[in-house]
Amino acid sequence: MIYQVHPHIRLIVCDMAGTTVNEGGIVYKTLVQTIKRFGLEIGDNEIKYWYGVNKTEVLKYFLNRSGEDDTKLPEMLTDFKTNLKKNYFEDKTISLINPKLPHLFNTLRERGIKIALNSGFSVDIQEALIDNLEMRSFIDGYISSESVPQGRPEPFMIQELMKRFNIDDPNQVIKLGDSVNDILEGKNAKCFKSIGVLSGAERKQNLLDAGADMILNSVMDLM
């Protein structure tokens, strides 16, 4: 276990979709559908460059690239959130990445390590996921990119979590996620380790190229 090897670790920051939550890539399929529904162009594989990024920033980029201003952005966001909630919660397509995840996180917490979730989702989607999967019982905190000046790959979410837990040294923090932007976020925050997992959509080589210090098949391999 990482704690046994590095007992100075005080905080592990985990991504949600693809890392702690199994949702089958629905968030990115829904994003693409929204972009196309509003008549904007997007290449077949273009969305992969936006894994882990604040979803508002993604929609705004494609609007602006098409030469449009932001007036359609609120409508696009509503469309995206409505369809994502339907796909997630009405169709019941989500689950924990592993049913033993609560045990893993609580074991780490018993050893004094805080567990926090961060996400490119809006606050309402993030909290709906946490509540739907009853995650509050095995985490210590969470943050959305909506709550900081910029989301991934900028380090602001990790830095805000460090403040909340009174941690001054990023060398006491591990970042874990399934996207290139997760790894870059950890690097930009100067975390002790930025660990990639293969339970999401990203390939191992891409995570390594982004600077991942370690690759695990899933978060469960922390044990």
Protein backbone atom coordinates (compact mmCIF):
# COMPACT_ATOMS: atom_id res chain seq x y z
CA MET A 1 0.00 0.00 0.00
CA ILE A 2 1.21 3.52 -0.78
CA TYR A 3 0.81 4.52 2.87
CA GLN A 4 3.23 1.84 4.01
CA VAL A 5 5.84 2.97 1.48
CA HIS A 6 5.33 6.70 1.98
CA PRO A 7 3.92 7.38 5.47
CA HIS A 8 4.16 11.14 4.96
CA ILE A 9 1.19 11.15 2.56
CA ARG A 10 -1.75 13.09 4.00
CA LEU A 11 -4.10 13.54 1.03
CA ILE A 12 -5.08 11.52 -2.04
CA VAL A 13 -7.06 13.44 -4.66
CA CYS A 14 -9.02 11.18 -7.03
CA ASP A 15 -10.83 12.01 -10.23
CA MET A 16 -14.43 10.80 -10.45
CA ALA A 17 -15.64 9.56 -13.88
CA GLY A 18 -13.39 6.76 -15.07
CA THR A 19 -11.38 6.62 -11.84
CA THR A 20 -13.77 6.16 -8.91
CA VAL A 21 -17.02 6.07 -10.91
CA ASN A 22 -17.79 3.70 -13.76
CA GLU A 23 -20.02 5.49 -16.25
CA GLY A 24 -19.01 3.98 -19.57
CA GLY A 25 -17.84 7.24 -21.14
CA ILE A 26 -21.36 8.64 -21.14
CA VAL A 27 -20.26 12.14 -20.15
CA TYR A 28 -18.17 12.57 -23.30
CA LYS A 29 -20.78 10.97 -25.55
CA THR A 30 -23.32 13.42 -24.13
CA LEU A 31 -20.93 16.34 -24.66
CA VAL A 32 -20.45 15.39 -28.32
CA GLN A 33 -24.21 15.04 -28.79
CA THR A 34 -24.78 18.51 -27.35
CA ILE A 35 -22.08 20.06 -29.54
CA LYS A 36 -23.54 18.47 -32.68
CA ARG A 37 -27.13 19.26 -31.68
CA PHE A 38 -26.25 22.96 -31.74
CA GLY A 39 -24.78 22.68 -35.22
CA LEU A 40 -21.13 22.87 -34.22
CA GLU A 41 -18.42 20.76 -35.81
CA ILE A 42 -16.32 18.28 -33.85
CA GLY A 43 -13.99 15.62 -35.21
CA ASP A 44 -14.53 11.93 -34.49
CA ASN A 45 -11.70 11.70 -31.96
CA GLU A 46 -11.43 15.34 -30.96
CA ILE A 47 -13.20 15.01 -27.64
CA LYS A 48 -10.35 12.93 -26.20
CA TYR A 49 -8.23 16.08 -25.87
CA TRP A 50 -10.83 17.41 -23.43
CA TYR A 51 -10.94 14.49 -21.00
CA GLY A 52 -11.03 15.82 -17.45
CA VAL A 53 -11.58 19.46 -18.45
CA ASN A 54 -14.37 21.66 -17.08
CA LYS A 55 -17.37 20.92 -19.29
CA THR A 56 -18.38 24.59 -19.54
CA GLU A 57 -14.93 25.40 -20.92
CA VAL A 58 -15.31 22.61 -23.51
CA LEU A 59 -18.65 23.89 -24.79
CA LYS A 60 -17.41 27.47 -24.81
CA TYR A 61 -14.36 26.46 -26.88
CA PHE A 62 -16.44 24.84 -29.62
CA LEU A 63 -18.83 27.78 -29.69
CA ASN A 64 -16.01 30.30 -30.06
CA ARG A 65 -14.17 28.16 -32.60
CA SER A 66 -17.27 28.27 -34.78
CA GLY A 67 -17.21 32.06 -34.65
CA GLU A 68 -20.14 32.39 -32.25
CA ASP A 69 -20.24 34.37 -29.05
CA ASP A 70 -21.28 32.95 -25.68
CA THR A 71 -24.99 33.75 -25.93
CA LYS A 72 -25.86 30.10 -26.65
CA LEU A 73 -23.69 28.79 -23.81
CA PRO A 74 -26.39 28.73 -21.09
CA GLU A 75 -28.74 26.85 -23.42
CA MET A 76 -26.01 24.37 -24.34
CA LEU A 77 -25.15 23.80 -20.68
CA THR A 78 -28.79 23.15 -19.85
CA ASP A 79 -29.05 20.69 -22.73
CA PHE A 80 -25.89 18.89 -21.64
CA LYS A 81 -26.85 18.68 -17.96
CA THR A 82 -30.41 17.56 -18.70
CA ASN A 83 -29.29 14.74 -20.96
CA LEU A 84 -26.39 13.73 -18.71
CA LYS A 85 -28.66 13.47 -15.67
CA LYS A 86 -31.10 11.38 -17.71
CA ASN A 87 -28.33 9.06 -18.89
CA TYR A 88 -26.78 8.82 -15.43
CA PHE A 89 -29.67 8.67 -13.05
CA GLU A 90 -32.84 7.76 -14.92
CA ASP A 91 -31.21 5.00 -16.95
CA LYS A 92 -29.13 3.91 -13.92
CA THR A 93 -25.93 3.46 -15.91
CA ILE A 94 -23.45 4.45 -13.19
CA SER A 95 -21.76 2.50 -10.43
CA LEU A 96 -18.66 2.64 -8.28
CA ILE A 97 -15.55 1.58 -10.18
CA ASN A 98 -15.41 -1.39 -7.79
CA PRO A 99 -17.82 -2.44 -5.02
CA LYS A 100 -14.85 -2.63 -2.62
CA LEU A 101 -13.92 1.03 -3.15
CA PRO A 102 -15.52 2.12 0.17
CA HIS A 103 -13.39 -0.41 2.06
CA LEU A 104 -10.22 0.76 0.29
CA PHE A 105 -10.83 4.43 1.01
CA ASN A 106 -11.87 3.85 4.61
CA THR A 107 -8.75 1.74 5.18
CA LEU A 108 -6.62 4.64 3.97
CA ARG A 109 -8.61 7.09 6.07
CA GLU A 110 -8.02 4.97 9.18
CA ARG A 111 -4.31 5.54 8.58
CA GLY A 112 -4.76 9.31 8.63
CA ILE A 113 -4.95 9.91 4.87
CA LYS A 114 -7.67 12.25 3.65
CA ILE A 115 -9.56 11.16 0.51
CA ALA A 116 -10.98 13.85 -1.75
CA LEU A 117 -12.71 13.77 -5.13
CA ASN A 118 -12.25 16.41 -7.80
CA SER A 119 -14.08 16.74 -11.08
CA GLY A 120 -14.65 18.72 -14.25
CA PHE A 121 -18.38 18.33 -13.60
CA SER A 122 -20.50 21.22 -12.39
CA VAL A 123 -21.23 21.26 -8.66
CA ASP A 124 -24.80 19.97 -9.06
CA ILE A 125 -23.75 17.00 -11.22
CA GLN A 126 -20.85 16.17 -8.91
CA GLU A 127 -23.03 16.25 -5.79
CA ALA A 128 -25.76 14.21 -7.52
CA LEU A 129 -23.17 11.54 -8.35
CA ILE A 130 -21.79 11.52 -4.81
CA ASP A 131 -25.26 11.23 -3.29
CA ASN A 132 -26.50 8.66 -5.79
CA LEU A 133 -23.52 6.39 -5.09
CA GLU A 134 -23.52 7.15 -1.33
CA MET A 135 -19.90 8.27 -1.46
CA ARG A 136 -20.01 10.68 1.48
CA SER A 137 -19.50 7.79 3.88
CA PHE A 138 -16.01 7.01 2.57
CA ILE A 139 -14.55 10.36 1.46
CA ASP A 140 -13.45 13.45 3.35
CA GLY A 141 -14.23 16.10 0.77
CA TYR A 142 -14.78 17.01 -2.86
CA ILE A 143 -14.43 19.94 -5.23
CA SER A 144 -15.68 20.89 -8.69
CA SER A 145 -13.72 22.88 -11.25
CA GLU A 146 -16.68 25.25 -11.16
CA SER A 147 -15.52 26.34 -7.68
CA VAL A 148 -12.05 27.55 -8.72
CA PRO A 149 -10.71 30.08 -11.28
CA GLN A 150 -9.75 27.35 -13.77
CA GLY A 151 -10.08 23.60 -13.95
CA ARG A 152 -7.58 21.01 -15.15
CA PRO A 153 -4.79 21.02 -16.10
CA GLU A 154 -4.37 24.02 -13.77
CA PRO A 155 -3.63 23.08 -10.13
CA PHE A 156 -6.32 25.17 -8.43
CA MET A 157 -8.63 22.33 -7.34
CA ILE A 158 -5.79 20.47 -5.62
CA GLN A 159 -4.50 23.66 -4.02
CA GLU A 160 -7.95 24.50 -2.67
CA LEU A 161 -8.32 21.01 -1.20
CA MET A 162 -4.91 21.40 0.45
CA LYS A 163 -6.10 24.61 2.08
CA ARG A 164 -9.23 22.93 3.37
CA PHE A 165 -7.17 20.17 5.00
CA ASN A 166 -4.43 22.51 6.26
CA ILE A 167 -1.75 20.94 4.08
CA ASP A 168 1.04 23.28 3.02
CA ASP A 169 3.38 20.83 1.32
CA PRO A 170 2.27 19.29 -2.03
CA ASN A 171 4.83 16.56 -1.37
CA GLN A 172 2.22 15.14 1.02
CA VAL A 173 -0.34 14.81 -1.77
CA ILE A 174 -0.99 12.16 -4.41
CA LYS A 175 -3.14 12.83 -7.46
CA LEU A 176 -4.83 9.90 -9.16
CA GLY A 177 -6.82 9.97 -12.41
CA ASP A 178 -7.53 8.40 -15.78
CA SER A 179 -6.84 11.33 -18.14
CA VAL A 180 -3.84 13.26 -19.41
CA ASN A 181 -5.28 16.38 -17.82
CA ASP A 182 -5.44 14.61 -14.44
CA ILE A 183 -1.72 13.87 -14.68
CA LEU A 184 -0.89 17.40 -15.78
CA GLU A 185 -2.99 18.78 -12.92
CA GLY A 186 -0.97 16.75 -10.42
CA LYS A 187 2.29 17.84 -12.00
CA ASN A 188 1.28 21.50 -12.00
CA ALA A 189 0.34 21.22 -8.33
CA LYS A 190 3.76 19.63 -7.66
CA CYS A 191 2.18 16.57 -6.03
CA PHE A 192 4.45 13.85 -4.65
CA LYS A 193 3.06 11.44 -7.26
CA SER A 194 0.71 11.80 -10.22
CA ILE A 195 -0.69 8.33 -10.82
CA GLY A 196 -2.57 7.26 -13.93
CA VAL A 197 -5.22 4.54 -13.98
CA LEU A 198 -6.38 2.52 -16.97
CA SER A 199 -10.02 2.20 -15.92
CA GLY A 200 -11.03 5.20 -18.04
CA ALA A 201 -10.73 6.00 -21.73
CA GLU A 202 -7.06 7.06 -21.89
CA ARG A 203 -4.26 4.83 -23.15
CA LYS A 204 -1.28 3.92 -20.98
CA GLN A 205 1.29 5.54 -23.28
CA ASN A 206 -0.58 8.84 -23.31
CA LEU A 207 -0.58 8.91 -19.51
CA LEU A 208 3.15 8.15 -19.45
CA ASP A 209 3.85 10.82 -22.06
CA ALA A 210 2.00 13.32 -19.84
CA GLY A 211 4.44 12.50 -17.03
CA ALA A 212 2.62 9.92 -14.92
CA ASP A 213 4.91 8.66 -12.15
CA MET A 214 3.11 5.33 -12.02
CA ILE A 215 0.36 3.49 -13.91
CA LEU A 216 -2.20 1.27 -12.17
CA ASN A 217 -4.95 -0.80 -13.72
CA SER A 218 -7.39 0.86 -11.34
CA VAL A 219 -7.62 2.77 -8.09
CA MET A 220 -8.04 -0.59 -6.35
CA ASP A 221 -4.37 -1.34 -7.01
CA LEU A 222 -3.48 1.17 -4.29
CA MET A 223 -3.87 -1.87 -2.01
